[in-house]
Structures are given as structure tokens and as C-alpha cells.
Amino acid sequence: MSADQINSFEKGLRQQDVNGNVSLITNDQLSIGTKSLKMNLGLEQRLKEKAFK
């Protein structure tokens, strides 16, 4: 899974709701979970390296 795919996935989750309730997950919780996923996949370091290039 590439970083672009993860970012698209995250954006999609932010726009979703369950039975009209968008408060089931906060943006902070989503950000923390996504960052953790990126780190576990080894993408977080690669993203930082790209930013410095």
C-alpha cells in the first residue's frame, strides 16, 4: 500500500459517517491511527525523506 493510497483512504474516512453520525471517530483519533499505520508500514520515514528532497 503506498502513501498516496493511505492518504486517500484517510480522506475518505474523514468524509464518511455511520447512520448520519460523523462523531464516531475524531480527526485526532484518525490522524493518530493513520500515522501509526504509516510508521508500521515503514512509510512515515520515507515521507519525511521525500519532504527533504
PDB file of N, CA and C in Angstrom:
ATOM      1  N   MET A   1       0.855  -1.167   0.000  1.00  0.00           N
ATOM      2  CA  MET A   1       0.000   0.000   0.000  1.00  0.00           C
ATOM      3  C   MET A   1       0.904   1.233   0.000  1.00  0.00           C
ATOM      4  N   SER A   2       0.688   2.137  -0.906  1.00  0.00           N
ATOM      5  CA  SER A   2       1.539   3.312  -0.996  1.00  0.00           C
ATOM      6  C   SER A   2       1.020   4.429  -0.096  1.00  0.00           C
ATOM      7  N   ALA A   3       1.870   5.407   0.116  1.00  0.00           N
ATOM      8  CA  ALA A   3       1.479   6.550   0.942  1.00  0.00           C
ATOM      9  C   ALA A   3       0.286   7.281   0.334  1.00  0.00           C
ATOM     10  N   ASP A   4       0.245   7.381  -0.990  1.00  0.00           N
ATOM     11  CA  ASP A   4      -0.884   8.041  -1.648  1.00  0.00           C
ATOM     12  C   ASP A   4      -2.185   7.295  -1.383  1.00  0.00           C
ATOM     13  N   GLN A   5      -2.114   5.969  -1.398  1.00  0.00           N
ATOM     14  CA  GLN A   5      -3.308   5.175  -1.130  1.00  0.00           C
ATOM     15  C   GLN A   5      -3.773   5.364   0.310  1.00  0.00           C
ATOM     16  N   ILE A   6      -2.834   5.418   1.240  1.00  0.00           N
ATOM     17  CA  ILE A   6      -3.184   5.622   2.645  1.00  0.00           C
ATOM     18  C   ILE A   6      -3.808   6.998   2.830  1.00  0.00           C
ATOM     19  N   ASN A   7      -3.230   8.014   2.189  1.00  0.00           N
ATOM     20  CA  ASN A   7      -3.788   9.362   2.297  1.00  0.00           C
ATOM     21  C   ASN A   7      -5.196   9.422   1.726  1.00  0.00           C
ATOM     22  N   SER A   8      -5.417   8.761   0.610  1.00  0.00           N
ATOM     23  CA  SER A   8      -6.754   8.720   0.016  1.00  0.00           C
ATOM     24  C   SER A   8      -7.729   8.005   0.938  1.00  0.00           C
ATOM     25  N   PHE A   9      -7.273   6.919   1.543  1.00  0.00           N
ATOM     26  CA  PHE A   9      -8.088   6.162   2.488  1.00  0.00           C
ATOM     27  C   PHE A   9      -8.471   7.041   3.679  1.00  0.00           C
ATOM     28  N   GLU A  10      -7.483   7.770   4.205  1.00  0.00           N
ATOM     29  CA  GLU A  10      -7.727   8.652   5.347  1.00  0.00           C
ATOM     30  C   GLU A  10      -8.736   9.745   4.985  1.00  0.00           C
ATOM     31  N   LYS A  11      -8.576  10.360   3.832  1.00  0.00           N
ATOM     32  CA  LYS A  11      -9.509  11.405   3.401  1.00  0.00           C
ATOM     33  C   LYS A  11     -10.913  10.845   3.237  1.00  0.00           C
ATOM     34  N   GLY A  12     -11.010   9.646   2.702  1.00  0.00           N
ATOM     35  CA  GLY A  12     -12.313   9.009   2.549  1.00  0.00           C
ATOM     36  C   GLY A  12     -12.980   8.751   3.885  1.00  0.00           C
ATOM     37  N   LEU A  13     -12.200   8.296   4.867  1.00  0.00           N
ATOM     38  CA  LEU A  13     -12.759   8.047   6.196  1.00  0.00           C
ATOM     39  C   LEU A  13     -13.246   9.331   6.844  1.00  0.00           C
ATOM     40  N   ARG A  14     -12.530  10.410   6.633  1.00  0.00           N
ATOM     41  CA  ARG A  14     -12.923  11.690   7.233  1.00  0.00           C
ATOM     42  C   ARG A  14     -14.273  12.165   6.700  1.00  0.00           C
ATOM     43  N   GLN A  15     -14.621  11.763   5.498  1.00  0.00           N
ATOM     44  CA  GLN A  15     -15.857  12.226   4.885  1.00  0.00           C
ATOM     45  C   GLN A  15     -17.020  11.264   5.108  1.00  0.00           C
ATOM     46  N   GLN A  16     -16.772  10.153   5.771  1.00  0.00           N
ATOM     47  CA  GLN A  16     -17.807   9.146   5.980  1.00  0.00           C
ATOM     48  C   GLN A  16     -18.565   9.398   7.270  1.00  0.00           C
ATOM     49  N   ASP A  17     -19.739   8.851   7.352  1.00  0.00           N
ATOM     50  CA  ASP A  17     -20.494   8.833   8.587  1.00  0.00           C
ATOM     51  C   ASP A  17     -21.228   7.501   8.677  1.00  0.00           C
ATOM     52  N   VAL A  18     -21.607   7.144   9.887  1.00  0.00           N
ATOM     53  CA  VAL A  18     -22.330   5.898  10.106  1.00  0.00           C
ATOM     54  C   VAL A  18     -23.718   6.262  10.605  1.00  0.00           C
ATOM     55  N   ASN A  19     -24.714   5.932   9.818  1.00  0.00           N
ATOM     56  CA  ASN A  19     -26.101   6.266  10.170  1.00  0.00           C
ATOM     57  C   ASN A  19     -26.251   7.747  10.514  1.00  0.00           C
ATOM     58  N   GLY A  20     -25.549   8.605   9.764  1.00  0.00           N
ATOM     59  CA  GLY A  20     -25.656  10.046   9.970  1.00  0.00           C
ATOM     60  C   GLY A  20     -24.820  10.596  11.103  1.00  0.00           C
ATOM     61  N   ASN A  21     -24.064   9.757  11.789  1.00  0.00           N
ATOM     62  CA  ASN A  21     -23.262  10.203  12.926  1.00  0.00           C
ATOM     63  C   ASN A  21     -21.799  10.295  12.512  1.00  0.00           C
ATOM     64  N   VAL A  22     -21.308  11.525  12.353  1.00  0.00           N
ATOM     65  CA  VAL A  22     -19.913  11.703  11.945  1.00  0.00           C
ATOM     66  C   VAL A  22     -18.977  11.777  13.144  1.00  0.00           C
ATOM     67  N   SER A  23     -19.501  11.696  14.342  1.00  0.00           N
ATOM     68  CA  SER A  23     -18.666  11.848  15.532  1.00  0.00           C
ATOM     69  C   SER A  23     -18.202  10.510  16.105  1.00  0.00           C
ATOM     70  N   LEU A  24     -18.325   9.436  15.338  1.00  0.00           N
ATOM     71  CA  LEU A  24     -17.903   8.130  15.853  1.00  0.00           C
ATOM     72  C   LEU A  24     -16.393   8.041  16.010  1.00  0.00           C
ATOM     73  N   ILE A  25     -15.665   8.792  15.205  1.00  0.00           N
ATOM     74  CA  ILE A  25     -14.216   8.847  15.329  1.00  0.00           C
ATOM     75  C   ILE A  25     -13.809  10.299  15.145  1.00  0.00           C
ATOM     76  N   THR A  26     -12.912  10.768  16.004  1.00  0.00           N
ATOM     77  CA  THR A  26     -12.471  12.152  15.893  1.00  0.00           C
ATOM     78  C   THR A  26     -11.329  12.248  14.891  1.00  0.00           C
ATOM     79  N   ASN A  27     -11.096  13.436  14.411  1.00  0.00           N
ATOM     80  CA  ASN A  27      -9.986  13.646  13.490  1.00  0.00           C
ATOM     81  C   ASN A  27      -8.654  13.311  14.149  1.00  0.00           C
ATOM     82  N   ASP A  28      -8.532  13.624  15.445  1.00  0.00           N
ATOM     83  CA  ASP A  28      -7.297  13.300  16.155  1.00  0.00           C
ATOM     84  C   ASP A  28      -7.083  11.796  16.220  1.00  0.00           C
ATOM     85  N   GLN A  29      -8.145  11.048  16.526  1.00  0.00           N
ATOM     86  CA  GLN A  29      -8.027   9.590  16.583  1.00  0.00           C
ATOM     87  C   GLN A  29      -7.637   9.038  15.220  1.00  0.00           C
ATOM     88  N   LEU A  30      -8.236   9.570  14.177  1.00  0.00           N
ATOM     89  CA  LEU A  30      -7.931   9.119  12.828  1.00  0.00           C
ATOM     90  C   LEU A  30      -6.493   9.447  12.459  1.00  0.00           C
ATOM     91  N   SER A  31      -6.054  10.639  12.803  1.00  0.00           N
ATOM     92  CA  SER A  31      -4.682  11.043  12.494  1.00  0.00           C
ATOM     93  C   SER A  31      -3.670  10.165  13.221  1.00  0.00           C
ATOM     94  N   ILE A  32      -3.935   9.891  14.483  1.00  0.00           N
ATOM     95  CA  ILE A  32      -3.033   9.045  15.264  1.00  0.00           C
ATOM     96  C   ILE A  32      -2.994   7.635  14.681  1.00  0.00           C
ATOM     97  N   GLY A  33      -4.155   7.097  14.340  1.00  0.00           N
ATOM     98  CA  GLY A  33      -4.213   5.754  13.764  1.00  0.00           C
ATOM     99  C   GLY A  33      -3.526   5.672  12.419  1.00  0.00           C
ATOM    100  N   THR A  34      -3.719   6.698  11.593  1.00  0.00           N
ATOM    101  CA  THR A  34      -3.096   6.707  10.274  1.00  0.00           C
ATOM    102  C   THR A  34      -1.587   6.844  10.394  1.00  0.00           C
ATOM    103  N   LYS A  35      -1.130   7.706  11.299  1.00  0.00           N
ATOM    104  CA  LYS A  35       0.313   7.878  11.493  1.00  0.00           C
ATOM    105  C   LYS A  35       0.938   6.572  11.981  1.00  0.00           C
ATOM    106  N   SER A  36       0.257   5.906  12.892  1.00  0.00           N
ATOM    107  CA  SER A  36       0.743   4.622  13.397  1.00  0.00           C
ATOM    108  C   SER A  36       0.831   3.594  12.272  1.00  0.00           C
ATOM    109  N   LEU A  37      -0.178   3.561  11.418  1.00  0.00           N
ATOM    110  CA  LEU A  37      -0.176   2.636  10.288  1.00  0.00           C
ATOM    111  C   LEU A  37       0.992   2.933   9.356  1.00  0.00           C
ATOM    112  N   LYS A  38       1.207   4.211   9.056  1.00  0.00           N
ATOM    113  CA  LYS A  38       2.312   4.601   8.177  1.00  0.00           C
ATOM    114  C   LYS A  38       3.655   4.193   8.778  1.00  0.00           C
ATOM    115  N   MET A  39       3.817   4.392  10.087  1.00  0.00           N
ATOM    116  CA  MET A  39       5.072   4.024  10.742  1.00  0.00           C
ATOM    117  C   MET A  39       5.268   2.515  10.707  1.00  0.00           C
ATOM    118  N   ASN A  40       4.208   1.761  10.963  1.00  0.00           N
ATOM    119  CA  ASN A  40       4.302   0.303  10.948  1.00  0.00           C
ATOM    120  C   ASN A  40       4.653  -0.231   9.567  1.00  0.00           C
ATOM    121  N   LEU A  41       4.197   0.455   8.528  1.00  0.00           N
ATOM    122  CA  LEU A  41       4.494   0.034   7.158  1.00  0.00           C
ATOM    123  C   LEU A  41       5.818   0.594   6.657  1.00  0.00           C
ATOM    124  N   GLY A  42       6.477   1.404   7.481  1.00  0.00           N
ATOM    125  CA  GLY A  42       7.749   1.994   7.084  1.00  0.00           C
ATOM    126  C   GLY A  42       7.594   3.161   6.133  1.00  0.00           C
ATOM    127  N   LEU A  43       6.401   3.709   6.043  1.00  0.00           N
ATOM    128  CA  LEU A  43       6.163   4.810   5.113  1.00  0.00           C
ATOM    129  C   LEU A  43       6.447   6.165   5.737  1.00  0.00           C
ATOM    130  N   GLU A  44       6.320   6.290   7.037  1.00  0.00           N
ATOM    131  CA  GLU A  44       6.499   7.586   7.690  1.00  0.00           C
ATOM    132  C   GLU A  44       7.907   8.122   7.448  1.00  0.00           C
ATOM    133  N   GLN A  45       8.912   7.276   7.579  1.00  0.00           N
ATOM    134  CA  GLN A  45      10.288   7.707   7.346  1.00  0.00           C
ATOM    135  C   GLN A  45      10.488   8.078   5.885  1.00  0.00           C
ATOM    136  N   ARG A  46       9.910   7.307   4.976  1.00  0.00           N
ATOM    137  CA  ARG A  46      10.038   7.607   3.548  1.00  0.00           C
ATOM    138  C   ARG A  46       9.391   8.939   3.209  1.00  0.00           C
ATOM    139  N   LEU A  47       8.254   9.242   3.842  1.00  0.00           N
ATOM    140  CA  LEU A  47       7.584  10.517   3.599  1.00  0.00           C
ATOM    141  C   LEU A  47       8.450  11.679   4.072  1.00  0.00           C
ATOM    142  N   LYS A  48       9.110  11.523   5.218  1.00  0.00           N
ATOM    143  CA  LYS A  48       9.992  12.570   5.724  1.00  0.00           C
ATOM    144  C   LYS A  48      11.178  12.759   4.791  1.00  0.00           C
ATOM    145  N   GLU A  49      11.728  11.668   4.275  1.00  0.00           N
ATOM    146  CA  GLU A  49      12.865  11.753   3.366  1.00  0.00           C
ATOM    147  C   GLU A  49      12.476  12.470   2.080  1.00  0.00           C
ATOM    148  N   LYS A  50      11.273  12.202   1.563  1.00  0.00           N
ATOM    149  CA  LYS A  50      10.802  12.871   0.351  1.00  0.00           C
ATOM    150  C   LYS A  50      10.638  14.367   0.585  1.00  0.00           C
ATOM    151  N   ALA A  51      10.206  14.750   1.769  1.00  0.00           N
ATOM    152  CA  ALA A  51       9.972  16.157   2.075  1.00  0.00           C
ATOM    153  C   ALA A  51      11.270  16.953   2.059  1.00  0.00           C
ATOM    154  N   PHE A  52      12.370  16.303   2.394  1.00  0.00           N
ATOM    155  CA  PHE A  52      13.657  16.985   2.433  1.00  0.00           C
ATOM    156  C   PHE A  52      14.342  17.039   1.082  1.00  0.00           C
ATOM    157  N   LYS A  53      13.836  16.320   0.101  1.00  0.00           N
ATOM    158  CA  LYS A  53      14.468  16.301  -1.228  1.00  0.00           C
ATOM    159  C   LYS A  53      14.034  17.470  -2.054  1.00  0.00           C
TER     160      LYS A  53
END
